[in-house]
Protein backbone atom coordinates (compact mmCIF):
# COMPACT_ATOMS: atom_id res chain seq x y z
CA MET A 1 -0.13 -0.09 -0.11
CA GLU A 2 3.00 2.40 0.08
CA LYS A 3 2.14 3.65 -3.39
CA PHE A 4 -1.35 4.67 -2.11
CA LYS A 5 -0.05 6.17 0.67
CA GLN A 6 2.25 8.39 -1.44
CA LEU A 7 -0.89 9.93 -2.81
CA GLY A 8 -1.69 11.51 0.63
CA LEU A 9 -4.34 8.91 1.33
CA SER A 10 -5.37 8.91 5.06
CA GLN A 11 -4.90 5.59 7.14
CA GLU A 12 -8.66 5.22 7.24
CA ILE A 13 -8.90 4.74 3.40
CA LEU A 14 -5.63 3.04 3.10
CA ASN A 15 -7.31 0.44 5.55
CA ALA A 16 -10.17 0.08 3.22
CA LEU A 17 -8.52 -0.35 0.39
CA SER A 18 -6.40 -2.84 2.06
CA TYR A 19 -9.15 -4.61 2.83
CA ALA A 20 -10.79 -4.63 -0.28
CA GLY A 21 -7.69 -6.27 -1.91
CA PHE A 22 -6.10 -3.14 -3.47
CA LYS A 23 -2.23 -3.34 -4.01
CA GLU A 24 -1.18 -0.51 -6.03
CA PRO A 25 -2.65 2.35 -7.91
CA SER A 26 -3.65 2.61 -11.86
CA GLU A 27 -2.40 5.42 -13.95
CA ILE A 28 -5.54 7.41 -13.37
CA GLN A 29 -5.26 6.99 -9.89
CA GLU A 30 -1.91 7.93 -9.66
CA LYS A 31 -1.99 10.85 -11.75
CA THR A 32 -5.22 12.57 -10.31
CA ILE A 33 -5.87 11.35 -6.59
CA PRO A 34 -3.25 14.30 -5.53
CA LEU A 35 -5.16 16.79 -7.93
CA ALA A 36 -8.36 15.69 -6.31
CA LEU A 37 -7.47 15.95 -2.65
CA ALA A 38 -5.73 19.35 -3.63
CA GLY A 39 -9.50 20.44 -4.35
CA LYS A 40 -8.95 21.07 -8.30
CA ASP A 41 -11.49 20.87 -10.36
CA ILE A 42 -10.99 17.81 -13.03
CA ILE A 43 -11.37 16.79 -16.55
CA GLY A 44 -10.44 13.20 -16.99
CA GLY A 45 -10.14 11.47 -19.84
CA SER A 46 -10.48 7.63 -18.92
CA ALA A 47 -11.62 4.33 -20.22
CA THR A 48 -14.02 2.49 -18.67
CA GLY A 49 -12.25 0.09 -16.13
CA SER A 50 -9.45 2.28 -15.20
CA GLY A 51 -10.27 2.69 -11.50
CA LYS A 52 -11.70 6.65 -11.88
CA THR A 53 -14.33 5.71 -9.13
CA LEU A 54 -11.63 5.88 -6.40
CA VAL A 55 -10.16 9.23 -7.76
CA PHE A 56 -13.68 11.19 -7.14
CA ALA A 57 -14.36 9.31 -3.93
CA CYS A 58 -11.42 10.01 -2.10
CA PRO A 59 -11.96 13.67 -1.69
CA ILE A 60 -15.36 13.01 -0.94
CA ILE A 61 -14.68 10.67 1.79
CA GLU A 62 -11.98 12.59 3.22
CA ASN A 63 -13.49 16.03 3.23
CA LEU A 64 -17.52 14.93 4.36
CA ILE A 65 -18.67 15.04 7.64
CA PRO A 66 -22.22 13.36 7.63
CA ASN A 67 -24.69 16.05 8.65
CA LYS A 68 -27.82 14.25 6.68
CA ASN A 69 -27.66 17.01 3.84
CA ALA A 70 -26.91 15.91 0.40
CA GLN A 71 -22.98 17.38 0.08
CA ALA A 72 -21.72 15.03 -2.96
CA LEU A 73 -23.79 14.08 -6.26
CA ILE A 74 -22.41 11.75 -8.80
CA LEU A 75 -24.09 11.55 -11.77
CA THR A 76 -23.95 8.56 -13.78
CA PRO A 77 -25.61 7.22 -17.14
CA THR A 78 -27.02 4.08 -16.19
CA ARG A 79 -28.76 2.55 -13.07
CA GLU A 80 -26.29 -0.35 -13.04
CA LEU A 81 -23.44 2.12 -12.56
CA ALA A 82 -25.28 4.43 -10.47
CA GLU A 83 -25.35 1.13 -7.81
CA GLN A 84 -21.97 -0.09 -8.51
CA VAL A 85 -20.69 3.59 -8.00
CA ALA A 86 -22.35 3.73 -4.33
CA ASP A 87 -21.63 0.18 -3.52
CA SER A 88 -17.72 1.33 -4.24
CA ILE A 89 -18.08 4.64 -2.12
CA ARG A 90 -19.64 2.62 0.70
CA LYS A 91 -16.78 -0.32 0.36
CA PHE A 92 -13.97 2.53 0.49
CA ALA A 93 -15.72 5.05 3.34
CA ARG A 94 -16.52 1.94 5.30
CA ASN A 95 -14.39 3.28 8.61
CA LYS A 96 -16.77 6.70 8.41
CA LYS A 97 -20.46 6.85 8.61
CA LEU A 98 -21.03 8.57 5.45
CA LYS A 99 -24.72 7.86 4.25
CA VAL A 100 -24.84 6.95 0.29
CA LEU A 101 -27.75 6.48 -1.77
CA ALA A 102 -28.20 5.29 -5.63
CA ILE A 103 -30.84 7.43 -7.14
CA TYR A 104 -32.73 5.98 -10.52
CA GLY A 105 -35.73 5.20 -12.10
CA GLY A 106 -37.57 2.05 -12.70
CA VAL A 107 -38.07 1.64 -9.09
CA ASN A 108 -40.42 3.01 -6.52
CA ILE A 109 -39.64 6.66 -5.96
CA GLU A 110 -41.37 6.71 -2.28
CA SER A 111 -38.73 4.53 -1.08
CA GLN A 112 -35.88 7.22 -2.19
CA ILE A 113 -37.78 10.31 -0.54
CA ARG A 114 -37.88 8.51 2.58
CA LYS A 115 -33.90 7.99 2.67
CA ILE A 116 -33.09 11.31 0.86
CA PRO A 117 -33.34 13.23 4.43
CA TYR A 118 -30.40 11.07 5.58
CA THR A 119 -28.26 10.62 2.77
CA ASP A 120 -24.47 12.22 2.39
CA VAL A 121 -23.87 11.26 -1.15
CA ILE A 122 -26.42 10.89 -3.77
CA VAL A 123 -25.32 8.82 -7.13
CA GLY A 124 -27.89 8.83 -9.60
CA THR A 125 -29.14 8.95 -13.41
CA PRO A 126 -29.90 12.56 -14.92
CA GLY A 127 -33.47 11.77 -15.25
CA ARG A 128 -34.93 10.54 -11.94
CA ILE A 129 -32.48 13.17 -10.19
CA LEU A 130 -34.80 15.81 -12.20
CA ASP A 131 -37.83 14.32 -10.93
CA HIS A 132 -36.77 14.47 -7.35
CA LEU A 133 -36.10 18.45 -8.11
CA ARG A 134 -39.16 18.95 -9.74
CA ARG A 135 -41.37 17.48 -6.64
CA ARG A 136 -38.76 19.19 -4.43
CA THR A 137 -37.85 16.06 -2.54
CA LEU A 138 -34.16 16.84 -3.22
CA ASN A 139 -32.27 20.14 -3.04
CA PHE A 140 -28.42 20.85 -3.83
CA ASN A 141 -27.90 23.77 -1.57
CA GLN A 142 -25.14 21.91 0.48
CA ILE A 143 -23.31 20.12 -2.42
CA LYS A 144 -19.48 20.32 -2.38
CA PHE A 145 -18.52 17.91 -4.69
CA LEU A 146 -20.05 17.63 -8.40
CA VAL A 147 -18.92 14.19 -10.55
CA LEU A 148 -19.96 13.61 -13.79
CA ASP A 149 -18.97 9.98 -14.69
CA GLU A 150 -19.03 8.54 -17.96
CA VAL A 151 -20.21 12.01 -19.33
CA ASP A 152 -20.05 10.93 -23.27
CA ARG A 153 -21.98 7.80 -22.54
CA MET A 154 -24.72 10.38 -20.79
CA PHE A 155 -24.69 12.74 -24.06
CA ASP A 156 -25.05 9.39 -26.58
CA MET A 157 -27.96 8.85 -24.25
CA GLY A 158 -29.32 12.23 -24.92
CA PHE A 159 -28.99 13.50 -21.35
CA TYR A 160 -27.29 16.82 -22.30
CA ARG A 161 -30.04 19.63 -21.44
CA ASP A 162 -30.81 17.39 -18.17
CA VAL A 163 -27.23 17.48 -16.92
CA GLU A 164 -27.13 21.40 -17.55
CA MET A 165 -30.53 21.73 -15.63
CA ILE A 166 -28.74 19.97 -12.92
CA LEU A 167 -25.64 21.48 -12.80
CA ARG A 168 -27.59 25.25 -12.90
CA GLN A 169 -29.11 23.69 -9.36
CA CYS A 170 -25.94 23.19 -7.70
CA PRO A 171 -23.68 26.14 -5.66
CA GLU A 172 -20.80 27.83 -7.55
CA LYS A 173 -18.70 27.24 -5.13
CA ARG A 174 -17.85 23.48 -5.20
CA GLN A 175 -15.27 21.10 -6.64
CA THR A 176 -16.25 19.57 -10.04
CA MET A 177 -14.94 16.39 -11.57
CA LEU A 178 -15.68 15.34 -15.01
CA PHE A 179 -14.86 11.80 -16.64
CA SER A 180 -15.09 10.51 -20.06
CA ALA A 181 -13.54 8.29 -22.50
CA THR A 182 -13.39 10.67 -25.11
CA ILE A 183 -13.61 14.53 -25.08
CA SER A 184 -16.19 15.58 -27.80
CA PRO A 185 -17.04 19.56 -28.59
CA ASP A 186 -19.94 19.30 -26.45
CA ILE A 187 -17.91 17.66 -23.48
CA ASP A 188 -15.40 20.34 -24.07
CA TYR A 189 -17.86 23.16 -23.73
CA LEU A 190 -19.43 22.01 -20.63
CA ALA A 191 -16.24 21.55 -18.90
CA ARG A 192 -15.29 25.18 -19.88
CA LYS A 193 -18.64 26.63 -18.72
CA TYR A 194 -19.17 24.52 -15.33
CA THR A 195 -15.46 24.07 -13.92
CA LYS A 196 -12.96 26.21 -12.81
CA ASN A 197 -9.12 25.97 -13.97
CA ALA A 198 -9.66 22.58 -14.27
CA ALA A 199 -6.52 20.29 -14.24
CA ARG A 200 -6.73 17.77 -17.60
CA VAL A 201 -5.75 14.43 -16.89
CA SER A 202 -5.71 11.70 -19.66
CA VAL A 203 -4.53 7.99 -19.48
CA ASN A 204 -4.49 5.09 -22.12
CA SER A 205 -6.72 2.50 -22.42
CA TYR A 206 -6.86 0.24 -19.41
CA VAL A 207 -7.14 -2.96 -21.87
CA ASP A 208 -3.76 -4.49 -22.51
CA HIS A 209 -3.62 -5.01 -26.34
CA SER A 210 -0.81 -7.00 -26.24
CA LYS A 211 -2.87 -9.59 -24.63
CA LEU A 212 -6.07 -9.17 -26.40
CA LYS A 213 -6.77 -11.33 -29.64
CA GLN A 214 -9.66 -9.88 -31.91
CA ILE A 215 -10.48 -12.28 -34.90
CA TYR A 216 -13.47 -12.20 -36.98
CA TYR A 217 -15.82 -14.94 -38.66
CA ASP A 218 -17.95 -14.24 -42.08
CA VAL A 219 -20.71 -16.27 -42.09
CA GLU A 220 -24.05 -16.74 -43.84
CA PRO A 221 -26.92 -14.86 -41.80
CA HIS A 222 -28.54 -17.90 -40.81
CA MET A 223 -25.95 -19.98 -39.61
CA LYS A 224 -25.12 -16.85 -37.35
CA PHE A 225 -26.41 -18.36 -34.25
CA SER A 226 -25.19 -21.85 -35.11
CA LEU A 227 -21.19 -20.55 -35.30
CA LEU A 228 -22.27 -18.96 -31.99
CA VAL A 229 -23.32 -22.28 -30.20
CA HIS A 230 -20.48 -24.21 -31.62
CA LEU A 231 -17.63 -21.74 -30.32
CA LEU A 232 -19.56 -21.22 -26.82
CA ASN A 233 -19.49 -24.84 -26.28
CA LYS A 234 -15.68 -24.55 -26.33
CA GLU A 235 -15.81 -22.02 -23.67
CA LYS A 236 -16.52 -24.31 -20.81
CA ASP A 237 -16.64 -22.46 -17.10
CA THR A 238 -15.62 -18.94 -18.37
CA LEU A 239 -17.18 -15.86 -18.33
CA VAL A 240 -18.37 -14.80 -21.76
CA MET A 241 -20.24 -11.56 -22.79
CA ILE A 242 -22.21 -11.53 -26.03
CA PHE A 243 -23.23 -7.93 -27.37
CA CYS A 244 -26.50 -7.73 -29.54
CA SER A 245 -27.62 -4.22 -31.39
CA THR A 246 -31.56 -4.33 -29.73
CA ARG A 247 -32.98 -5.82 -27.07
CA ARG A 248 -35.28 -8.17 -29.20
CA ASN A 249 -31.98 -9.63 -30.64
CA VAL A 250 -30.56 -9.89 -26.92
CA ASP A 251 -33.63 -11.82 -25.93
CA ILE A 252 -33.72 -13.86 -28.83
CA VAL A 253 -30.07 -15.42 -28.48
CA ALA A 254 -30.52 -15.59 -24.75
CA ASN A 255 -33.48 -17.84 -25.15
CA ASN A 256 -32.12 -19.72 -27.92
CA LEU A 257 -28.82 -20.15 -25.74
CA GLU A 258 -30.72 -21.90 -23.17
CA LYS A 259 -32.70 -23.73 -25.20
CA ALA A 260 -29.44 -25.49 -26.47
CA GLY A 261 -28.31 -25.94 -23.19
CA ILE A 262 -25.58 -23.02 -22.57
CA ASN A 263 -25.98 -21.17 -19.47
CA SER A 264 -26.93 -17.98 -20.07
CA LYS A 265 -29.46 -14.73 -19.16
CA ALA A 266 -30.19 -11.22 -20.85
CA ILE A 267 -29.51 -8.17 -19.52
CA HIS A 268 -31.02 -4.97 -21.43
CA GLY A 269 -32.71 -1.82 -20.40
CA GLY A 270 -36.22 -3.32 -21.21
CA LEU A 271 -36.29 -5.51 -17.63
CA SER A 272 -36.82 -4.55 -14.13
CA GLN A 273 -34.14 -3.11 -12.22
CA ASN A 274 -33.97 -6.02 -9.91
CA LYS A 275 -33.71 -8.42 -12.90
CA ARG A 276 -31.11 -6.77 -14.17
CA LEU A 277 -29.30 -6.56 -10.63
CA ARG A 278 -29.77 -10.09 -9.72
CA THR A 279 -28.29 -11.26 -12.99
CA LEU A 280 -25.20 -9.36 -12.87
CA ASP A 281 -24.87 -10.45 -9.21
CA GLU A 282 -24.84 -14.23 -10.82
CA PHE A 283 -22.53 -13.29 -13.26
CA HIS A 284 -20.26 -11.77 -10.70
CA ASN A 285 -20.26 -14.87 -8.48
CA LYS A 286 -19.84 -17.37 -11.57
CA GLU A 287 -23.43 -18.74 -11.23
CA LEU A 288 -23.84 -17.65 -14.34
CA ASN A 289 -21.01 -17.69 -17.71
CA VAL A 290 -22.80 -15.66 -20.44
CA LEU A 291 -24.45 -12.59 -20.33
CA VAL A 292 -25.94 -11.72 -23.42
CA CYS A 293 -26.66 -7.79 -23.42
CA THR A 294 -27.02 -4.29 -25.21
CA ASP A 295 -24.58 -1.96 -24.97
CA VAL A 296 -25.91 -1.07 -21.18
CA ALA A 297 -23.12 -3.39 -20.14
CA ALA A 298 -20.38 -1.97 -22.26
CA ARG A 299 -19.61 0.95 -20.35
CA GLY A 300 -18.58 1.65 -16.71
CA LEU A 301 -19.63 -1.77 -15.15
CA ASP A 302 -16.91 -3.46 -13.27
CA ILE A 303 -16.98 -7.00 -14.17
CA LYS A 304 -13.93 -8.75 -13.40
CA GLY A 305 -12.38 -11.89 -15.31
CA VAL A 306 -14.54 -11.71 -18.80
CA LYS A 307 -12.21 -14.24 -21.06
CA SER A 308 -14.30 -13.63 -24.29
CA ILE A 309 -16.50 -10.63 -26.03
CA TYR A 310 -18.33 -11.96 -28.75
CA ASN A 311 -19.93 -9.15 -31.09
CA TYR A 312 -22.90 -11.40 -32.62
CA ASP A 313 -24.13 -7.46 -33.89
CA LEU A 314 -21.73 -5.23 -34.77
CA PRO A 315 -21.73 -1.46 -33.55
CA GLY A 316 -21.79 1.06 -35.51
CA GLU A 317 -18.81 3.12 -34.57
CA ALA A 318 -15.05 2.13 -33.63
CA LYS A 319 -15.38 3.88 -30.06
CA ASP A 320 -18.37 1.57 -29.02
CA TYR A 321 -16.58 -1.45 -30.54
CA ILE A 322 -13.47 -0.07 -27.95
CA HIS A 323 -15.65 0.14 -25.20
CA ARG A 324 -17.34 -3.19 -25.75
CA ILE A 325 -13.72 -5.23 -25.78
CA GLY A 326 -12.72 -3.32 -23.01
CA ARG A 327 -14.60 -5.70 -20.83
CA THR A 328 -11.84 -8.62 -21.27
CA ALA A 329 -7.72 -8.55 -21.15
CA ARG A 330 -7.81 -6.13 -18.34
CA ALA A 331 -5.49 -6.10 -15.35
CA GLY A 332 -2.47 -8.02 -16.89
CA ASN A 333 -5.15 -11.13 -18.37
CA GLU A 334 -5.28 -12.60 -21.82
CA GLY A 335 -8.90 -12.10 -23.61
CA LYS A 336 -10.52 -12.71 -26.87
CA ALA A 337 -12.77 -10.53 -28.86
CA ILE A 338 -14.69 -12.44 -31.12
CA ASN A 339 -16.89 -10.65 -34.30
CA ILE A 340 -19.41 -12.85 -35.81
CA LEU A 341 -20.29 -11.19 -39.40
CA SER A 342 -22.76 -11.81 -42.09
CA SER A 343 -23.27 -9.28 -44.64
CA ARG A 344 -25.77 -6.94 -42.66
CA ASP A 345 -22.67 -6.10 -40.69
CA TYR A 346 -20.01 -5.03 -43.38
CA GLU A 347 -20.87 -1.49 -43.20
CA ASN A 348 -20.38 -1.31 -39.27
CA PHE A 349 -17.23 -3.50 -39.79
CA GLY A 350 -15.72 -1.10 -42.12
CA ASN A 351 -16.39 1.98 -39.50
CA ILE A 352 -14.40 -0.32 -37.02
CA THR A 353 -11.47 -1.28 -38.97
CA ASN A 354 -10.98 2.43 -40.34
CA ASP A 355 -9.39 2.76 -37.14
CA LYS A 356 -5.78 1.60 -37.71
CA CYS A 357 -4.93 0.86 -34.17
CA LEU A 358 -7.56 -2.26 -34.11
CA ASN A 359 -6.02 -5.36 -35.44
CA ILE A 360 -8.70 -7.83 -36.36
CA VAL A 361 -7.57 -10.75 -37.77
CA ARG A 362 -9.96 -13.16 -40.22
CA GLU A 363 -10.44 -16.58 -39.02
CA GLU A 364 -11.26 -19.78 -40.99
CA LEU A 365 -14.74 -21.08 -40.57
CA PRO A 366 -14.65 -24.18 -38.26
CA VAL A 367 -16.82 -27.53 -39.23
CA PHE A 368 -20.18 -27.09 -36.98
CA GLU A 369 -23.80 -28.09 -36.72
CA THR A 370 -26.55 -26.33 -38.16
CA ILE A 371 -28.93 -25.01 -35.11
CA ARG A 372 -32.41 -23.55 -35.96
CA LEU A 373 -32.71 -20.33 -34.59
CA GLU A 374 -36.47 -19.66 -33.06
CA ILE A 375 -38.05 -16.49 -32.70
CA GLU A 376 -41.08 -15.91 -30.57
CA PRO A 377 -43.60 -13.45 -31.38
CA ASN A 378 -43.39 -10.29 -30.10
CA ARG A 379 -46.31 -10.10 -27.83
CA ARG A 380 -46.74 -6.29 -27.98
CA PHE A 381 -46.32 -5.66 -31.64
CA GLY A 382 -46.68 -8.86 -33.80
CA ASN A 383 -44.32 -10.24 -36.20
CA ARG A 384 -45.18 -7.96 -39.01
CA ASN A 385 -43.99 -4.91 -36.75
CA ASN A 386 -41.02 -6.73 -35.66
CA PHE A 387 -39.80 -6.95 -39.17
CA ARG A 388 -40.30 -3.35 -39.32
CA ARG A 389 -38.52 -2.36 -36.42
CA GLU A 390 -35.76 -4.89 -37.59
CA GLY A 391 -35.37 -3.69 -40.93
CA ASN A 392 -36.37 -6.97 -42.44
CA ARG A 393 -39.53 -6.30 -43.72
CA SER A 394 -38.19 -5.41 -47.09
CA ASN A 395 -35.99 -8.14 -47.06
CA GLN A 396 -39.21 -10.57 -46.81
CA ARG A 397 -40.95 -8.48 -49.58
CA ARG A 398 -38.07 -8.84 -51.76
CA ASN A 399 -36.74 -12.25 -51.48
CA GLY A 400 -39.82 -13.95 -50.66
CA ASN A 401 -37.85 -16.29 -48.34
CA ARG A 402 -39.89 -16.58 -45.13
CA GLU A 403 -38.21 -18.88 -43.33
CA ASN A 404 -34.73 -16.97 -43.58
CA ASN A 405 -36.49 -13.90 -42.37
CA ARG A 406 -38.18 -15.89 -39.16
CA ARG A 407 -34.45 -16.99 -38.40
CA GLU A 408 -32.06 -14.50 -38.67
CA GLY A 409 -33.24 -11.69 -41.75
CA ASN A 410 -32.04 -11.80 -45.42
CA THR A 411 -28.86 -10.00 -46.60
CA PRO A 412 -29.72 -6.30 -47.06
CA ARG A 413 -29.70 -4.59 -50.64
CA GLY A 414 -26.78 -4.16 -52.40
CA MET A 415 -24.96 -6.52 -49.88
CA ASN A 416 -25.18 -9.64 -52.04
CA ARG A 417 -22.30 -12.39 -51.68
CA ASN A 418 -20.89 -15.15 -53.52
CA TYR A 419 -22.13 -18.09 -51.79
CA GLY A 420 -24.01 -20.11 -54.70
CA GLN A 421 -27.54 -18.73 -53.63
CA ASN A 422 -27.14 -14.75 -54.28
CA ARG A 423 -26.50 -14.88 -58.10
CA GLY A 424 -22.78 -14.88 -57.66
CA ARG A 425 -22.28 -11.01 -57.90
CA ALA A 426 -20.19 -10.22 -54.97
CA ASN A 427 -16.57 -11.16 -54.63
CA ARG A 428 -16.20 -13.25 -51.05
CA GLY A 429 -12.18 -12.82 -51.12
CA ARG A 430 -12.52 -9.10 -49.91
CA ASN A 431 -9.55 -7.88 -47.80
CA TYR A 432 -11.51 -6.64 -44.46
CA ASN A 433 -8.78 -5.24 -43.01
CA HIS A 434 -8.58 -2.47 -45.22
CA GLY A 435 -12.24 -1.75 -45.60
CA ASN A 436 -12.91 -2.88 -49.06
CA PHE A 437 -16.24 -4.91 -48.76
CA GLY A 438 -19.90 -4.17 -49.13
CA ARG A 439 -21.14 -2.14 -51.58
CA GLY A 440 -17.60 -0.58 -52.13
CA GLY A 441 -15.80 -3.78 -52.27
CA ARG A 442 -17.14 -4.97 -55.64
């Protein structure tokens, strides 16, 4: 703990860190904790998993005296991250009597209202925080610390105006800390407007790319799930995360994996908060080894020991891809990122491989058994609207192949491939690493 001691931390926090198993500070902690303890405003460029929670927790724990008033506010983009940050601060503050409360939507607001008057540290999502401000069940007159965590993710989710409204309710005399994986013009504007002489700290990604193997398979759309099952059957007793682009796809994949005998569960924003937290706990405790998720799990969540990341659907931008694969190859451990491409993923894959820092190598397809993917009717919208929402209705009308649409969805217009069933017009031998594929690769 000597390196932590040199950062200026009190013995109380050092004891809590030792109890929690911390051994030495990460790069962001080493660079930023002394600045935070000195009362400086901070703009931190730091990826998920770098250890920044401890950075903003330290000055809060060291300086706050419990007085049954909200003295610190931490804004997070998601409910899961709010819970995680609140739990971490409680652990770091185990030798003090600070009351920490996570506030987010999807749960009973009355319970939160009853606890707020006895709370020192509020960790919450912008929407529910605004609900409380409008109800006047929460006020920020005594806020001394304001933290915005994963700001880029909050803005991606459309919370810019909500965040500004909350900031205007906080006293001008405070310490402000803002953390984001990327600093966009909007974030830079917000930082200049609401911080004072802020210290800017930037650190490298926590992912060790020398220990991260990135590969992709190119497969027919209707064989995507079959390949996934084949690969997962080789991942026995390891923690695996599978990313899909929509909640519906998450549910479909998770349900079919269960039918295939693979211990998996879904997590996305459409599930109740209790169910999401219960699923995360099972994954943390290794009672569950395959987590199928939307990007709600790509950012902020501290999930240790993930061996492999599967992109069943590829994200549209390289930064989202990087956040996903950042769940593995952490803290010196090896990991894999496996991308399962079909024709509808070509455009997104091109956006990703334009980032020359990413080295994604093509892998030859193994021999695997065909498994039928069952798509259950959406109870609320019905099958017809599901095709419309997933972009498959035009494919269904154009190809007349109802069976393929029911299973995986057909190849989008202009993305024909030479597998002997799409008229042989496309060149299967595209060089994906140079972005020559899809429409531009003919």
